[in-house]
């Protein structure tokens, strides 16, 4: 009886320790948020990006250095090429909408709502190596996440390619 209980306990421990995503790697990078509205720079703040790279999903956690209420997460499903921001799914609409070697060696693709919403966010410029570069917002400021503090004209060129 003790042997059966030991085997069951060992099995439960092994199963609970296995999450199905065998290899995970975490990377931390700095991003600078620039928000633009009505052709003027409105927001400029620093974020920490924590990427957790798994076999099937890449998780992106953006942590504001100033205001934790502005923290957010995104997930990229590798097999479906789907980006999830909050509770909303985005699909790739256009490959390489923005190519800028100063930001990334990979082009940024344009992602739009899977189920379009009139007042929804988007489009989003994204690549899985870098994460989110820019988020369009038709009702408020659009946001760009660069890896250095850019000049206004650099941010403006990103937003020109966003829409």
N, C-alpha and C. Protein backbone atom coordinates (compact mmCIF):
# COMPACT_ATOMS: atom_id res chain seq x y z
N UNK A 1 0.82 -1.19 0.00
CA UNK A 1 0.00 0.00 0.00
C UNK A 1 0.87 1.27 0.00
N UNK A 2 1.95 1.25 0.82
CA UNK A 2 2.85 2.39 0.86
C UNK A 2 3.50 2.62 -0.50
N UNK A 3 3.82 1.54 -1.17
CA UNK A 3 4.46 1.64 -2.48
C UNK A 3 3.51 2.29 -3.49
N UNK A 4 2.23 1.94 -3.46
CA UNK A 4 1.23 2.51 -4.37
C UNK A 4 1.07 4.00 -4.08
N UNK A 5 1.00 4.37 -2.81
CA UNK A 5 0.85 5.78 -2.43
C UNK A 5 2.08 6.57 -2.87
N UNK A 6 3.27 6.00 -2.70
CA UNK A 6 4.50 6.67 -3.12
C UNK A 6 4.53 6.90 -4.62
N UNK A 7 4.10 5.90 -5.38
CA UNK A 7 4.06 6.02 -6.84
C UNK A 7 3.06 7.09 -7.26
N UNK A 8 1.89 7.13 -6.62
CA UNK A 8 0.88 8.14 -6.94
C UNK A 8 1.40 9.53 -6.61
N UNK A 9 2.02 9.69 -5.45
CA UNK A 9 2.58 10.99 -5.06
C UNK A 9 3.65 11.44 -6.04
N UNK A 10 4.54 10.56 -6.41
CA UNK A 10 5.60 10.89 -7.36
C UNK A 10 5.02 11.30 -8.71
N UNK A 11 4.00 10.58 -9.16
CA UNK A 11 3.34 10.91 -10.43
C UNK A 11 2.69 12.28 -10.36
N UNK A 12 2.00 12.58 -9.28
CA UNK A 12 1.33 13.89 -9.12
C UNK A 12 2.36 15.01 -9.11
N UNK A 13 3.47 14.80 -8.43
CA UNK A 13 4.52 15.82 -8.38
C UNK A 13 5.12 16.05 -9.76
N UNK A 14 5.41 14.99 -10.48
CA UNK A 14 5.99 15.12 -11.83
C UNK A 14 5.03 15.80 -12.79
N UNK A 15 3.75 15.45 -12.73
CA UNK A 15 2.76 16.06 -13.61
C UNK A 15 2.57 17.52 -13.26
N UNK A 16 2.53 17.86 -11.98
CA UNK A 16 2.31 19.26 -11.59
C UNK A 16 3.50 20.13 -11.93
N UNK A 17 4.69 19.56 -11.97
CA UNK A 17 5.88 20.34 -12.31
C UNK A 17 6.01 20.56 -13.81
N UNK A 18 5.34 19.77 -14.61
CA UNK A 18 5.42 19.89 -16.06
C UNK A 18 4.28 20.78 -16.54
N UNK A 19 4.62 21.87 -17.24
CA UNK A 19 3.57 22.78 -17.72
C UNK A 19 3.33 22.65 -19.22
N UNK A 20 3.94 21.69 -19.88
CA UNK A 20 3.72 21.50 -21.31
C UNK A 20 4.54 22.43 -22.17
N UNK A 21 5.15 23.42 -21.59
CA UNK A 21 5.98 24.37 -22.33
C UNK A 21 7.40 24.18 -21.81
N UNK A 22 8.10 23.21 -22.35
CA UNK A 22 9.33 22.70 -21.76
C UNK A 22 10.47 23.71 -21.73
N UNK A 23 10.58 24.54 -22.73
CA UNK A 23 11.68 25.49 -22.73
C UNK A 23 11.12 26.90 -22.66
N UNK A 24 11.57 27.64 -21.67
CA UNK A 24 11.19 29.04 -21.54
C UNK A 24 12.45 29.84 -21.29
N UNK A 25 12.47 31.01 -21.91
CA UNK A 25 13.60 31.90 -21.73
C UNK A 25 13.04 33.29 -21.47
N UNK A 26 13.62 34.01 -20.52
CA UNK A 26 13.14 35.35 -20.18
C UNK A 26 14.21 36.37 -20.54
N UNK A 27 13.76 37.46 -21.17
CA UNK A 27 14.64 38.54 -21.59
C UNK A 27 14.03 39.85 -21.10
N UNK A 28 14.85 40.74 -20.57
CA UNK A 28 14.38 42.04 -20.11
C UNK A 28 15.04 43.13 -20.94
N UNK A 29 14.24 44.09 -21.43
CA UNK A 29 14.75 45.18 -22.25
C UNK A 29 14.07 46.48 -21.83
N UNK A 30 14.67 47.59 -22.19
CA UNK A 30 14.09 48.90 -21.90
C UNK A 30 13.37 49.41 -23.14
N UNK A 31 12.20 50.00 -22.93
CA UNK A 31 11.45 50.65 -24.01
C UNK A 31 11.04 52.04 -23.53
N UNK A 32 10.93 52.95 -24.47
CA UNK A 32 10.47 54.30 -24.16
C UNK A 32 9.16 54.55 -24.90
N UNK A 33 8.12 54.85 -24.15
CA UNK A 33 6.81 55.14 -24.73
C UNK A 33 6.76 56.60 -25.15
N UNK A 34 6.35 56.81 -26.39
CA UNK A 34 6.08 58.15 -26.89
C UNK A 34 4.64 58.15 -27.36
N UNK A 35 3.84 59.04 -26.81
CA UNK A 35 2.45 59.16 -27.23
C UNK A 35 2.26 60.42 -28.02
N UNK A 36 1.53 60.31 -29.13
CA UNK A 36 1.33 61.47 -29.99
C UNK A 36 -0.16 61.64 -30.26
N UNK A 37 -0.61 62.89 -30.18
CA UNK A 37 -2.00 63.22 -30.46
C UNK A 37 -2.03 64.59 -31.13
N UNK A 38 -2.82 64.71 -32.19
CA UNK A 38 -2.91 65.97 -32.94
C UNK A 38 -1.53 66.50 -33.34
N UNK A 39 -0.69 65.60 -33.82
CA UNK A 39 0.65 65.94 -34.32
C UNK A 39 1.58 66.55 -33.27
N UNK A 40 1.31 66.30 -32.00
CA UNK A 40 2.25 66.77 -30.98
C UNK A 40 2.51 65.66 -29.97
N UNK A 41 3.72 65.67 -29.43
CA UNK A 41 4.14 64.67 -28.47
C UNK A 41 3.47 64.95 -27.13
N UNK A 42 2.71 63.98 -26.62
CA UNK A 42 1.96 64.18 -25.37
C UNK A 42 2.55 63.41 -24.20
N UNK A 43 3.11 62.24 -24.46
CA UNK A 43 3.58 61.37 -23.39
C UNK A 43 4.99 60.90 -23.73
N UNK A 44 5.83 60.83 -22.74
CA UNK A 44 7.16 60.23 -22.92
C UNK A 44 7.56 59.64 -21.57
N UNK A 45 7.62 58.30 -21.52
CA UNK A 45 7.94 57.63 -20.27
C UNK A 45 8.69 56.33 -20.53
N UNK A 46 9.38 55.84 -19.53
CA UNK A 46 10.19 54.63 -19.67
C UNK A 46 9.42 53.40 -19.20
N UNK A 47 9.60 52.30 -19.94
CA UNK A 47 9.00 51.01 -19.62
C UNK A 47 10.09 49.95 -19.55
N UNK A 48 9.81 48.91 -18.79
CA UNK A 48 10.63 47.70 -18.83
C UNK A 48 9.81 46.64 -19.54
N UNK A 49 10.39 46.04 -20.57
CA UNK A 49 9.74 44.96 -21.30
C UNK A 49 10.34 43.65 -20.83
N UNK A 50 9.48 42.75 -20.35
CA UNK A 50 9.92 41.42 -19.97
C UNK A 50 9.29 40.44 -20.95
N UNK A 51 10.15 39.78 -21.74
CA UNK A 51 9.68 38.79 -22.71
C UNK A 51 9.94 37.41 -22.14
N UNK A 52 8.90 36.58 -22.14
CA UNK A 52 9.05 35.18 -21.76
C UNK A 52 8.77 34.37 -23.00
N UNK A 53 9.79 33.72 -23.50
CA UNK A 53 9.71 33.01 -24.78
C UNK A 53 9.54 31.52 -24.49
N UNK A 54 8.39 31.00 -24.89
CA UNK A 54 8.11 29.58 -24.72
C UNK A 54 8.04 28.88 -26.06
N UNK A 55 7.74 27.60 -26.03
CA UNK A 55 7.66 26.81 -27.26
C UNK A 55 6.55 27.28 -28.18
N UNK A 56 5.39 27.64 -27.62
CA UNK A 56 4.24 27.98 -28.45
C UNK A 56 3.77 29.42 -28.28
N UNK A 57 4.16 30.08 -27.19
CA UNK A 57 3.68 31.44 -26.91
C UNK A 57 4.85 32.30 -26.45
N UNK A 58 4.84 33.56 -26.89
CA UNK A 58 5.76 34.56 -26.36
C UNK A 58 4.91 35.55 -25.58
N UNK A 59 5.27 35.77 -24.32
CA UNK A 59 4.56 36.71 -23.47
C UNK A 59 5.38 37.99 -23.38
N UNK A 60 4.70 39.13 -23.51
CA UNK A 60 5.34 40.44 -23.42
C UNK A 60 4.67 41.18 -22.27
N UNK A 61 5.45 41.55 -21.27
CA UNK A 61 4.91 42.31 -20.15
C UNK A 61 5.59 43.67 -20.14
N UNK A 62 4.78 44.73 -20.29
CA UNK A 62 5.28 46.09 -20.33
C UNK A 62 5.00 46.74 -18.98
N UNK A 63 6.07 47.11 -18.27
CA UNK A 63 5.96 47.65 -16.92
C UNK A 63 6.41 49.11 -16.93
N UNK A 64 5.49 50.02 -16.61
CA UNK A 64 5.81 51.44 -16.56
C UNK A 64 6.69 51.72 -15.35
N UNK A 65 7.72 52.52 -15.55
CA UNK A 65 8.62 52.89 -14.44
C UNK A 65 7.99 53.96 -13.55
N UNK A 66 6.91 54.61 -14.03
CA UNK A 66 6.32 55.73 -13.30
C UNK A 66 4.93 55.42 -12.77
N UNK A 67 4.10 54.75 -13.57
CA UNK A 67 2.68 54.57 -13.23
C UNK A 67 2.27 53.13 -13.49
N UNK A 68 2.13 52.33 -12.44
CA UNK A 68 1.81 50.92 -12.60
C UNK A 68 0.41 50.68 -13.18
N UNK A 69 -0.45 51.68 -13.18
CA UNK A 69 -1.77 51.50 -13.80
C UNK A 69 -1.65 51.44 -15.32
N UNK A 70 -0.51 51.79 -15.86
CA UNK A 70 -0.28 51.74 -17.31
C UNK A 70 0.42 50.45 -17.75
N UNK A 71 0.64 49.53 -16.82
CA UNK A 71 1.24 48.24 -17.17
C UNK A 71 0.26 47.44 -18.03
N UNK A 72 0.80 46.64 -18.94
CA UNK A 72 -0.06 45.76 -19.73
C UNK A 72 0.72 44.57 -20.25
N UNK A 73 -0.02 43.56 -20.70
CA UNK A 73 0.57 42.35 -21.22
C UNK A 73 0.04 42.07 -22.62
N UNK A 74 0.86 41.42 -23.41
CA UNK A 74 0.47 40.94 -24.73
C UNK A 74 1.03 39.53 -24.87
N UNK A 75 0.39 38.73 -25.70
CA UNK A 75 0.83 37.36 -25.97
C UNK A 75 0.84 37.14 -27.48
N UNK A 76 1.83 36.42 -27.94
CA UNK A 76 1.88 36.06 -29.36
C UNK A 76 1.83 34.55 -29.47
N UNK A 77 0.79 34.04 -30.13
CA UNK A 77 0.63 32.61 -30.37
C UNK A 77 1.38 32.28 -31.66
N UNK A 78 2.47 31.55 -31.53
CA UNK A 78 3.33 31.27 -32.68
C UNK A 78 2.63 30.44 -33.76
N UNK A 79 1.88 29.44 -33.37
CA UNK A 79 1.27 28.55 -34.36
C UNK A 79 0.16 29.23 -35.15
N UNK A 80 -0.54 30.17 -34.53
CA UNK A 80 -1.65 30.84 -35.22
C UNK A 80 -1.27 32.23 -35.71
N UNK A 81 -0.04 32.67 -35.44
CA UNK A 81 0.42 34.02 -35.78
C UNK A 81 -0.59 35.06 -35.31
N UNK A 82 -1.05 34.90 -34.08
CA UNK A 82 -2.07 35.78 -33.51
C UNK A 82 -1.49 36.53 -32.33
N UNK A 83 -1.75 37.83 -32.28
CA UNK A 83 -1.34 38.69 -31.18
C UNK A 83 -2.55 38.96 -30.30
N UNK A 84 -2.39 38.79 -29.01
CA UNK A 84 -3.48 39.05 -28.08
C UNK A 84 -3.04 40.15 -27.14
N UNK A 85 -3.79 41.23 -27.13
CA UNK A 85 -3.52 42.38 -26.28
C UNK A 85 -4.72 42.54 -25.36
N UNK A 86 -4.52 42.31 -24.07
CA UNK A 86 -5.65 42.30 -23.15
C UNK A 86 -6.52 41.10 -23.46
N UNK A 87 -7.78 41.35 -23.78
CA UNK A 87 -8.71 40.27 -24.13
C UNK A 87 -9.03 40.28 -25.62
N UNK A 88 -8.30 41.08 -26.40
CA UNK A 88 -8.61 41.25 -27.81
C UNK A 88 -7.57 40.56 -28.68
N UNK A 89 -8.03 39.82 -29.68
CA UNK A 89 -7.15 39.14 -30.61
C UNK A 89 -6.91 39.98 -31.86
N UNK A 90 -5.69 39.93 -32.36
CA UNK A 90 -5.30 40.65 -33.57
C UNK A 90 -4.67 39.66 -34.55
N UNK A 91 -4.99 39.84 -35.83
CA UNK A 91 -4.41 39.00 -36.88
C UNK A 91 -3.53 39.85 -37.78
N UNK A 92 -2.57 39.20 -38.42
CA UNK A 92 -1.67 39.92 -39.31
C UNK A 92 -2.42 40.35 -40.55
N UNK A 93 -2.30 41.63 -40.87
CA UNK A 93 -2.95 42.17 -42.07
C UNK A 93 -1.93 42.41 -43.18
N UNK A 94 -0.73 42.84 -42.80
CA UNK A 94 0.27 43.19 -43.83
C UNK A 94 1.67 42.88 -43.30
N UNK A 95 2.45 42.19 -44.11
CA UNK A 95 3.84 41.90 -43.77
C UNK A 95 4.71 43.13 -44.02
N UNK A 96 5.70 43.32 -43.16
CA UNK A 96 6.73 44.35 -43.34
C UNK A 96 6.17 45.73 -43.67
N UNK A 97 5.18 46.15 -42.90
CA UNK A 97 4.60 47.49 -43.13
C UNK A 97 5.63 48.58 -42.83
N UNK A 98 6.50 48.30 -41.86
CA UNK A 98 7.57 49.24 -41.55
C UNK A 98 8.88 48.47 -41.42
N UNK A 99 9.88 48.90 -42.16
CA UNK A 99 11.21 48.34 -42.04
C UNK A 99 12.14 49.47 -41.65
N UNK A 100 12.76 49.34 -40.48
CA UNK A 100 13.69 50.34 -39.99
C UNK A 100 14.81 49.62 -39.28
N UNK A 101 15.95 49.49 -39.93
CA UNK A 101 17.09 48.73 -39.39
C UNK A 101 17.66 49.36 -38.12
N UNK A 102 17.38 50.65 -37.87
CA UNK A 102 17.84 51.27 -36.63
C UNK A 102 17.06 50.74 -35.42
N UNK A 103 15.87 50.22 -35.65
CA UNK A 103 15.04 49.69 -34.57
C UNK A 103 15.15 48.17 -34.48
N UNK A 104 15.06 47.49 -35.62
CA UNK A 104 15.06 46.03 -35.62
C UNK A 104 15.59 45.51 -36.95
N UNK A 105 16.24 44.35 -36.90
CA UNK A 105 16.67 43.70 -38.14
C UNK A 105 15.52 43.02 -38.86
N UNK A 106 14.37 42.97 -38.21
CA UNK A 106 13.17 42.34 -38.78
C UNK A 106 12.12 43.42 -39.02
N UNK A 107 11.36 43.28 -40.11
CA UNK A 107 10.31 44.23 -40.41
C UNK A 107 9.16 44.10 -39.42
N UNK A 108 8.39 45.16 -39.28
CA UNK A 108 7.22 45.17 -38.41
C UNK A 108 5.98 44.94 -39.25
N UNK A 109 5.18 43.97 -38.83
CA UNK A 109 3.94 43.64 -39.52
C UNK A 109 2.80 44.42 -38.89
N UNK A 110 1.77 44.65 -39.69
CA UNK A 110 0.57 45.34 -39.22
C UNK A 110 -0.46 44.31 -38.77
N UNK A 111 -0.97 44.47 -37.55
CA UNK A 111 -1.99 43.59 -36.99
C UNK A 111 -3.26 44.39 -36.75
N UNK A 112 -4.41 43.79 -37.06
CA UNK A 112 -5.71 44.43 -36.86
C UNK A 112 -6.62 43.49 -36.07
N UNK A 113 -7.70 44.05 -35.53
CA UNK A 113 -8.67 43.27 -34.76
C UNK A 113 -9.16 42.07 -35.56
N UNK A 114 -9.27 40.93 -34.89
CA UNK A 114 -9.89 39.77 -35.52
C UNK A 114 -11.37 40.05 -35.75
N UNK A 115 -12.01 40.64 -34.75
CA UNK A 115 -13.41 41.08 -34.85
C UNK A 115 -13.39 42.60 -34.79
N UNK A 116 -13.46 43.27 -35.93
CA UNK A 116 -13.32 44.73 -35.95
C UNK A 116 -14.32 45.43 -35.02
N UNK A 117 -13.81 46.48 -34.34
CA UNK A 117 -14.63 47.31 -33.46
C UNK A 117 -14.48 48.75 -33.92
N UNK A 118 -15.56 49.50 -33.90
CA UNK A 118 -15.52 50.89 -34.35
C UNK A 118 -14.58 51.72 -33.48
N UNK A 119 -14.62 51.52 -32.18
CA UNK A 119 -13.79 52.32 -31.28
C UNK A 119 -12.60 51.53 -30.73
N UNK A 120 -12.23 50.45 -31.41
CA UNK A 120 -11.14 49.59 -30.94
C UNK A 120 -9.77 50.14 -31.27
N UNK A 121 -8.78 49.62 -30.58
CA UNK A 121 -7.39 50.02 -30.82
C UNK A 121 -6.89 49.33 -32.09
N UNK A 122 -5.92 49.94 -32.67
CA UNK A 122 -5.30 49.32 -33.82
C UNK A 122 -5.18 50.29 -34.96
N UNK A 123 -4.39 49.99 -35.91
CA UNK A 123 -3.57 48.80 -36.05
C UNK A 123 -2.39 48.81 -35.08
N UNK A 124 -1.70 47.68 -35.03
CA UNK A 124 -0.53 47.52 -34.19
C UNK A 124 0.65 47.11 -35.08
N UNK A 125 1.78 47.78 -34.91
CA UNK A 125 3.01 47.38 -35.60
C UNK A 125 3.79 46.49 -34.63
N UNK A 126 4.12 45.28 -35.09
CA UNK A 126 4.65 44.27 -34.18
C UNK A 126 5.58 43.32 -34.94
N UNK A 127 6.62 42.86 -34.26
CA UNK A 127 7.33 41.67 -34.70
C UNK A 127 7.70 40.88 -33.45
N UNK A 128 7.76 39.58 -33.58
CA UNK A 128 7.90 38.72 -32.39
C UNK A 128 9.25 38.85 -31.71
N UNK A 129 10.28 39.28 -32.41
CA UNK A 129 11.59 39.48 -31.77
C UNK A 129 11.61 40.74 -30.93
N UNK A 130 11.03 41.82 -31.45
CA UNK A 130 11.06 43.13 -30.79
C UNK A 130 9.88 43.33 -29.84
N UNK A 131 8.72 42.86 -30.25
CA UNK A 131 7.49 43.12 -29.50
C UNK A 131 6.69 44.19 -30.21
N UNK A 132 5.92 44.94 -29.46
CA UNK A 132 5.07 46.00 -30.03
C UNK A 132 5.92 47.24 -30.28
N UNK A 133 5.84 47.76 -31.50
CA UNK A 133 6.50 49.02 -31.82
C UNK A 133 5.51 50.18 -31.68
N UNK A 134 4.29 50.00 -32.19
CA UNK A 134 3.33 51.10 -32.16
C UNK A 134 1.90 50.57 -32.09
N UNK A 135 1.05 51.34 -31.41
CA UNK A 135 -0.38 51.01 -31.30
C UNK A 135 -1.16 52.23 -31.73
N UNK A 136 -2.02 52.05 -32.73
CA UNK A 136 -2.89 53.13 -33.16
C UNK A 136 -4.10 53.23 -32.25
N UNK A 137 -4.58 54.43 -32.06
CA UNK A 137 -5.76 54.66 -31.24
C UNK A 137 -6.58 55.77 -31.88
N UNK A 138 -7.69 55.42 -32.54
CA UNK A 138 -8.46 56.44 -33.24
C UNK A 138 -9.12 57.47 -32.31
N UNK A 139 -9.28 57.13 -31.04
CA UNK A 139 -9.97 58.04 -30.10
C UNK A 139 -9.04 58.73 -29.12
N UNK A 140 -7.76 58.50 -29.21
CA UNK A 140 -6.83 59.12 -28.26
C UNK A 140 -5.43 59.08 -28.81
N UNK A 141 -4.46 59.31 -27.94
CA UNK A 141 -3.08 59.30 -28.45
C UNK A 141 -2.63 57.92 -28.90
N UNK A 142 -1.89 57.89 -30.00
CA UNK A 142 -1.25 56.66 -30.46
C UNK A 142 0.06 56.52 -29.68
N UNK A 143 0.56 55.28 -29.58
CA UNK A 143 1.74 55.03 -28.77
C UNK A 143 2.81 54.31 -29.57
N UNK A 144 4.08 54.69 -29.34
CA UNK A 144 5.22 54.00 -29.94
C UNK A 144 6.16 53.60 -28.81
N UNK A 145 6.68 52.37 -28.89
CA UNK A 145 7.61 51.85 -27.89
C UNK A 145 8.96 51.63 -28.56
N UNK A 146 9.88 52.58 -28.38
CA UNK A 146 11.19 52.48 -28.99
C UNK A 146 12.22 52.05 -27.95
N UNK A 147 13.35 51.55 -28.42
CA UNK A 147 14.37 51.08 -27.48
C UNK A 147 15.34 52.18 -27.07
N UNK A 148 15.11 53.39 -27.55
CA UNK A 148 15.88 54.55 -27.09
C UNK A 148 14.96 55.76 -27.13
N UNK A 149 15.41 56.88 -26.57
CA UNK A 149 14.58 58.08 -26.58
C UNK A 149 14.71 58.74 -27.96
N UNK A 150 13.69 58.58 -28.79
CA UNK A 150 13.81 59.09 -30.16
C UNK A 150 13.45 60.58 -30.26
N UNK A 151 13.92 61.16 -31.32
CA UNK A 151 13.50 62.51 -31.65
C UNK A 151 12.06 62.47 -32.17
N UNK A 152 11.38 63.58 -32.12
CA UNK A 152 9.99 63.64 -32.53
C UNK A 152 9.81 63.16 -33.97
N UNK A 153 10.73 63.53 -34.88
CA UNK A 153 10.56 63.15 -36.29
C UNK A 153 10.63 61.64 -36.49
N UNK A 154 11.41 60.92 -35.66
CA UNK A 154 11.47 59.46 -35.75
C UNK A 154 10.13 58.86 -35.34
N UNK A 155 9.57 59.35 -34.23
CA UNK A 155 8.26 58.87 -33.77
C UNK A 155 7.19 59.20 -34.80
N UNK A 156 7.23 60.38 -35.36
CA UNK A 156 6.24 60.78 -36.36
C UNK A 156 6.30 59.88 -37.59
N UNK A 157 7.51 59.49 -38.03
CA UNK A 157 7.63 58.58 -39.18
C UNK A 157 7.04 57.21 -38.87
N UNK A 158 7.19 56.75 -37.63
CA UNK A 158 6.57 55.47 -37.23
C UNK A 158 5.06 55.58 -37.36
N UNK A 159 4.51 56.68 -36.86
CA UNK A 159 3.05 56.85 -36.91
C UNK A 159 2.53 57.03 -38.33
N UNK A 160 3.35 57.61 -39.20
CA UNK A 160 2.93 57.71 -40.61
C UNK A 160 2.74 56.33 -41.22
N UNK A 161 3.57 55.37 -40.85
CA UNK A 161 3.45 54.00 -41.38
C UNK A 161 2.39 53.20 -40.66
N UNK A 162 1.96 53.67 -39.50
CA UNK A 162 0.96 52.95 -38.71
C UNK A 162 -0.40 52.96 -39.40
N UNK A 163 -0.78 54.09 -39.96
CA UNK A 163 -2.14 54.21 -40.53
C UNK A 163 -2.14 54.10 -42.03
